[in-house]
Amino acid sequence: MIFHVTYEYGPEDRDDAQARFKATGALPPDGVRMLGRWHSAEGHAGYTVAEADSATAIAKWIQQWSDLLSFEIVPVLSDEEMDEVIG
C-alpha cells in the first residue's frame, strides 16, 4: 500500500523537531519504504509518500514523532488501482 503522510508542527516545537530530524534523518523503520519527502519552504509542514504492507507499519513510524508533529495519513491508489475500482 502507498500512503500520503502529511505532517505539521508549531513554532514552539521547531527547534526540537529540527534537531531530531538532523540527528536521525527521520528514516522509516523496517517494513516501510519512503518513496519521497517534501518540506514546505516555511519549514513547519510537509509530506512523505511511503510504501508499507500495512497501516500498522506506518503508525509505528509516526509514533516516533507524535510528541512533536501532528499527522494525516491517507492511503492512496495508483492509476491502475483506481482503474480497477471504477472498472
N, C-alpha and C. Protein backbone atom coordinates (compact mmCIF):
# COMPACT_ATOMS: atom_id res chain seq x y z
N MET A 1 0.84 -1.18 0.00
CA MET A 1 0.00 0.00 0.00
C MET A 1 0.89 1.24 0.00
N ILE A 2 0.38 2.26 -0.68
CA ILE A 2 1.06 3.55 -0.70
C ILE A 2 0.29 4.51 0.21
N PHE A 3 1.04 5.28 0.98
CA PHE A 3 0.45 6.23 1.93
C PHE A 3 1.00 7.62 1.68
N HIS A 4 0.11 8.61 1.73
CA HIS A 4 0.49 10.02 1.68
C HIS A 4 0.39 10.51 3.12
N VAL A 5 1.52 10.88 3.70
CA VAL A 5 1.58 11.26 5.11
C VAL A 5 1.95 12.74 5.19
N THR A 6 1.01 13.55 5.65
CA THR A 6 1.24 14.98 5.83
C THR A 6 1.62 15.23 7.28
N TYR A 7 2.62 16.08 7.49
CA TYR A 7 3.00 16.44 8.86
C TYR A 7 2.97 17.95 9.03
N GLU A 8 2.83 18.34 10.29
CA GLU A 8 2.82 19.77 10.64
C GLU A 8 3.25 19.91 12.08
N TYR A 9 3.96 21.00 12.37
CA TYR A 9 4.31 21.28 13.77
C TYR A 9 4.29 22.78 13.98
N GLY A 10 4.12 23.16 15.24
CA GLY A 10 4.04 24.57 15.58
C GLY A 10 5.40 25.17 15.85
N PRO A 11 5.48 26.49 15.87
CA PRO A 11 6.76 27.16 16.10
C PRO A 11 7.41 26.78 17.43
N GLU A 12 6.59 26.43 18.41
CA GLU A 12 7.13 26.07 19.72
C GLU A 12 7.90 24.75 19.69
N ASP A 13 7.66 23.92 18.68
CA ASP A 13 8.35 22.64 18.56
C ASP A 13 9.42 22.63 17.47
N ARG A 14 9.64 23.77 16.83
CA ARG A 14 10.57 23.84 15.71
C ARG A 14 11.97 23.34 16.04
N ASP A 15 12.56 23.88 17.10
CA ASP A 15 13.95 23.54 17.41
C ASP A 15 14.10 22.05 17.74
N ASP A 16 13.17 21.50 18.52
CA ASP A 16 13.24 20.08 18.87
C ASP A 16 13.03 19.20 17.64
N ALA A 17 12.07 19.57 16.79
CA ALA A 17 11.81 18.77 15.58
C ALA A 17 13.00 18.82 14.63
N GLN A 18 13.58 19.98 14.44
CA GLN A 18 14.73 20.09 13.54
C GLN A 18 15.94 19.35 14.09
N ALA A 19 16.17 19.42 15.39
CA ALA A 19 17.30 18.71 15.99
C ALA A 19 17.14 17.20 15.84
N ARG A 20 15.94 16.69 16.07
CA ARG A 20 15.70 15.25 15.92
C ARG A 20 15.85 14.83 14.46
N PHE A 21 15.35 15.65 13.55
CA PHE A 21 15.49 15.34 12.12
C PHE A 21 16.96 15.27 11.73
N LYS A 22 17.75 16.25 12.16
CA LYS A 22 19.17 16.26 11.82
C LYS A 22 19.90 15.06 12.44
N ALA A 23 19.49 14.66 13.63
CA ALA A 23 20.16 13.55 14.32
C ALA A 23 19.80 12.19 13.75
N THR A 24 18.56 12.04 13.27
CA THR A 24 18.07 10.72 12.86
C THR A 24 17.82 10.59 11.37
N GLY A 25 17.62 11.71 10.68
CA GLY A 25 17.22 11.66 9.28
C GLY A 25 15.76 11.28 9.10
N ALA A 26 15.06 11.03 10.20
CA ALA A 26 13.65 10.64 10.16
C ALA A 26 13.41 9.48 9.22
N LEU A 27 14.35 8.55 9.22
CA LEU A 27 14.23 7.39 8.33
C LEU A 27 13.17 6.42 8.84
N PRO A 28 12.50 5.75 7.93
CA PRO A 28 11.45 4.82 8.34
C PRO A 28 12.03 3.53 8.91
N PRO A 29 11.24 2.84 9.72
CA PRO A 29 11.66 1.55 10.26
C PRO A 29 11.55 0.45 9.20
N ASP A 30 12.04 -0.72 9.53
CA ASP A 30 11.84 -1.87 8.65
C ASP A 30 10.36 -2.04 8.37
N GLY A 31 10.05 -2.39 7.15
CA GLY A 31 8.66 -2.57 6.76
C GLY A 31 8.03 -1.36 6.10
N VAL A 32 8.78 -0.25 6.08
CA VAL A 32 8.30 0.97 5.42
C VAL A 32 9.39 1.45 4.47
N ARG A 33 8.99 1.75 3.25
CA ARG A 33 9.93 2.28 2.26
C ARG A 33 9.48 3.68 1.88
N MET A 34 10.31 4.66 2.19
CA MET A 34 9.99 6.05 1.85
C MET A 34 10.27 6.25 0.37
N LEU A 35 9.26 6.70 -0.36
CA LEU A 35 9.38 6.94 -1.79
C LEU A 35 9.80 8.38 -2.08
N GLY A 36 9.53 9.26 -1.15
CA GLY A 36 9.91 10.66 -1.30
C GLY A 36 9.40 11.48 -0.13
N ARG A 37 10.06 12.62 0.09
CA ARG A 37 9.63 13.51 1.17
C ARG A 37 9.88 14.93 0.71
N TRP A 38 8.91 15.81 0.96
CA TRP A 38 8.98 17.20 0.58
C TRP A 38 8.60 18.06 1.77
N HIS A 39 9.27 19.20 1.88
CA HIS A 39 9.06 20.11 3.01
C HIS A 39 8.59 21.46 2.47
N SER A 40 7.67 22.08 3.19
CA SER A 40 7.23 23.42 2.78
C SER A 40 8.40 24.40 2.98
N ALA A 41 8.41 25.44 2.19
CA ALA A 41 9.50 26.41 2.25
C ALA A 41 9.57 27.10 3.61
N GLU A 42 8.44 27.29 4.26
CA GLU A 42 8.46 27.94 5.57
C GLU A 42 8.88 26.98 6.67
N GLY A 43 8.91 25.69 6.39
CA GLY A 43 9.52 24.73 7.29
C GLY A 43 8.66 24.10 8.35
N HIS A 44 7.39 24.42 8.45
CA HIS A 44 6.56 23.87 9.52
C HIS A 44 5.61 22.78 9.05
N ALA A 45 5.77 22.32 7.83
CA ALA A 45 4.88 21.29 7.30
C ALA A 45 5.56 20.60 6.12
N GLY A 46 4.97 19.51 5.72
CA GLY A 46 5.47 18.80 4.56
C GLY A 46 4.72 17.50 4.40
N TYR A 47 5.22 16.66 3.49
CA TYR A 47 4.58 15.36 3.33
C TYR A 47 5.58 14.33 2.84
N THR A 48 5.24 13.10 3.11
CA THR A 48 6.03 11.94 2.71
C THR A 48 5.11 11.00 1.94
N VAL A 49 5.65 10.37 0.93
CA VAL A 49 4.96 9.28 0.25
C VAL A 49 5.76 8.02 0.58
N ALA A 50 5.07 7.04 1.16
CA ALA A 50 5.74 5.83 1.63
C ALA A 50 4.93 4.60 1.26
N GLU A 51 5.64 3.49 1.18
CA GLU A 51 5.01 2.21 0.87
C GLU A 51 5.21 1.27 2.06
N ALA A 52 4.14 0.57 2.41
CA ALA A 52 4.19 -0.39 3.51
C ALA A 52 3.11 -1.44 3.29
N ASP A 53 3.31 -2.59 3.88
CA ASP A 53 2.32 -3.66 3.77
C ASP A 53 1.08 -3.39 4.61
N SER A 54 1.23 -2.51 5.61
CA SER A 54 0.09 -2.26 6.49
C SER A 54 0.16 -0.86 7.07
N ALA A 55 -0.98 -0.38 7.50
CA ALA A 55 -1.04 0.91 8.19
C ALA A 55 -0.32 0.83 9.53
N THR A 56 -0.24 -0.35 10.10
CA THR A 56 0.45 -0.53 11.38
C THR A 56 1.92 -0.12 11.26
N ALA A 57 2.57 -0.52 10.18
CA ALA A 57 3.97 -0.16 9.99
C ALA A 57 4.14 1.36 9.89
N ILE A 58 3.25 2.02 9.17
CA ILE A 58 3.29 3.48 9.07
C ILE A 58 3.05 4.10 10.45
N ALA A 59 2.09 3.58 11.18
CA ALA A 59 1.77 4.11 12.51
C ALA A 59 2.95 4.00 13.47
N LYS A 60 3.71 2.92 13.36
CA LYS A 60 4.89 2.76 14.22
C LYS A 60 5.92 3.84 13.92
N TRP A 61 6.08 4.19 12.65
CA TRP A 61 6.99 5.25 12.27
C TRP A 61 6.52 6.60 12.82
N ILE A 62 5.24 6.86 12.62
CA ILE A 62 4.65 8.13 13.07
C ILE A 62 4.72 8.26 14.58
N GLN A 63 4.57 7.17 15.28
CA GLN A 63 4.60 7.18 16.75
C GLN A 63 5.91 7.77 17.27
N GLN A 64 7.00 7.59 16.52
CA GLN A 64 8.30 8.10 16.93
C GLN A 64 8.35 9.63 16.91
N TRP A 65 7.37 10.24 16.25
CA TRP A 65 7.36 11.70 16.08
C TRP A 65 6.12 12.37 16.65
N SER A 66 5.17 11.61 17.14
CA SER A 66 3.87 12.17 17.51
C SER A 66 3.93 13.09 18.72
N ASP A 67 5.05 13.12 19.43
CA ASP A 67 5.18 14.07 20.53
C ASP A 67 5.47 15.48 20.03
N LEU A 68 5.92 15.61 18.78
CA LEU A 68 6.27 16.92 18.23
C LEU A 68 5.44 17.33 17.02
N LEU A 69 4.99 16.37 16.25
CA LEU A 69 4.31 16.66 14.99
C LEU A 69 2.90 16.09 15.00
N SER A 70 2.02 16.72 14.25
CA SER A 70 0.69 16.14 14.00
C SER A 70 0.68 15.62 12.57
N PHE A 71 -0.10 14.58 12.34
CA PHE A 71 -0.07 13.88 11.07
C PHE A 71 -1.47 13.64 10.52
N GLU A 72 -1.53 13.53 9.20
CA GLU A 72 -2.69 13.00 8.50
C GLU A 72 -2.15 11.91 7.58
N ILE A 73 -2.69 10.71 7.71
CA ILE A 73 -2.23 9.56 6.93
C ILE A 73 -3.36 9.12 6.02
N VAL A 74 -3.08 9.11 4.71
CA VAL A 74 -4.10 8.76 3.73
C VAL A 74 -3.56 7.67 2.80
N PRO A 75 -4.20 6.49 2.78
CA PRO A 75 -3.82 5.51 1.78
C PRO A 75 -4.23 6.03 0.40
N VAL A 76 -3.36 5.86 -0.59
CA VAL A 76 -3.65 6.36 -1.93
C VAL A 76 -3.52 5.24 -2.96
N LEU A 77 -4.13 5.45 -4.11
CA LEU A 77 -4.15 4.45 -5.18
C LEU A 77 -3.42 4.96 -6.41
N SER A 78 -2.76 4.05 -7.11
CA SER A 78 -2.16 4.38 -8.40
C SER A 78 -3.27 4.49 -9.44
N ASP A 79 -2.92 4.95 -10.63
CA ASP A 79 -3.90 4.99 -11.72
C ASP A 79 -4.46 3.60 -12.00
N GLU A 80 -3.59 2.61 -12.00
CA GLU A 80 -4.03 1.24 -12.28
C GLU A 80 -4.99 0.72 -11.22
N GLU A 81 -4.70 1.02 -9.97
CA GLU A 81 -5.58 0.61 -8.88
C GLU A 81 -6.92 1.32 -8.95
N MET A 82 -6.90 2.61 -9.28
CA MET A 82 -8.14 3.37 -9.41
C MET A 82 -8.96 2.85 -10.59
N ASP A 83 -8.30 2.47 -11.66
CA ASP A 83 -8.98 1.91 -12.82
C ASP A 83 -9.72 0.64 -12.42
N GLU A 84 -9.11 -0.16 -11.54
CA GLU A 84 -9.77 -1.37 -11.04
C GLU A 84 -11.01 -1.02 -10.22
N VAL A 85 -10.91 0.06 -9.45
CA VAL A 85 -12.03 0.50 -8.60
C VAL A 85 -13.21 0.94 -9.46
N ILE A 86 -12.92 1.75 -10.47
CA ILE A 86 -14.02 2.33 -11.25
C ILE A 86 -14.43 1.44 -12.43
N GLY A 87 -13.64 0.41 -12.68
CA GLY A 87 -13.98 -0.55 -13.73
C GLY A 87 -13.81 0.02 -15.08
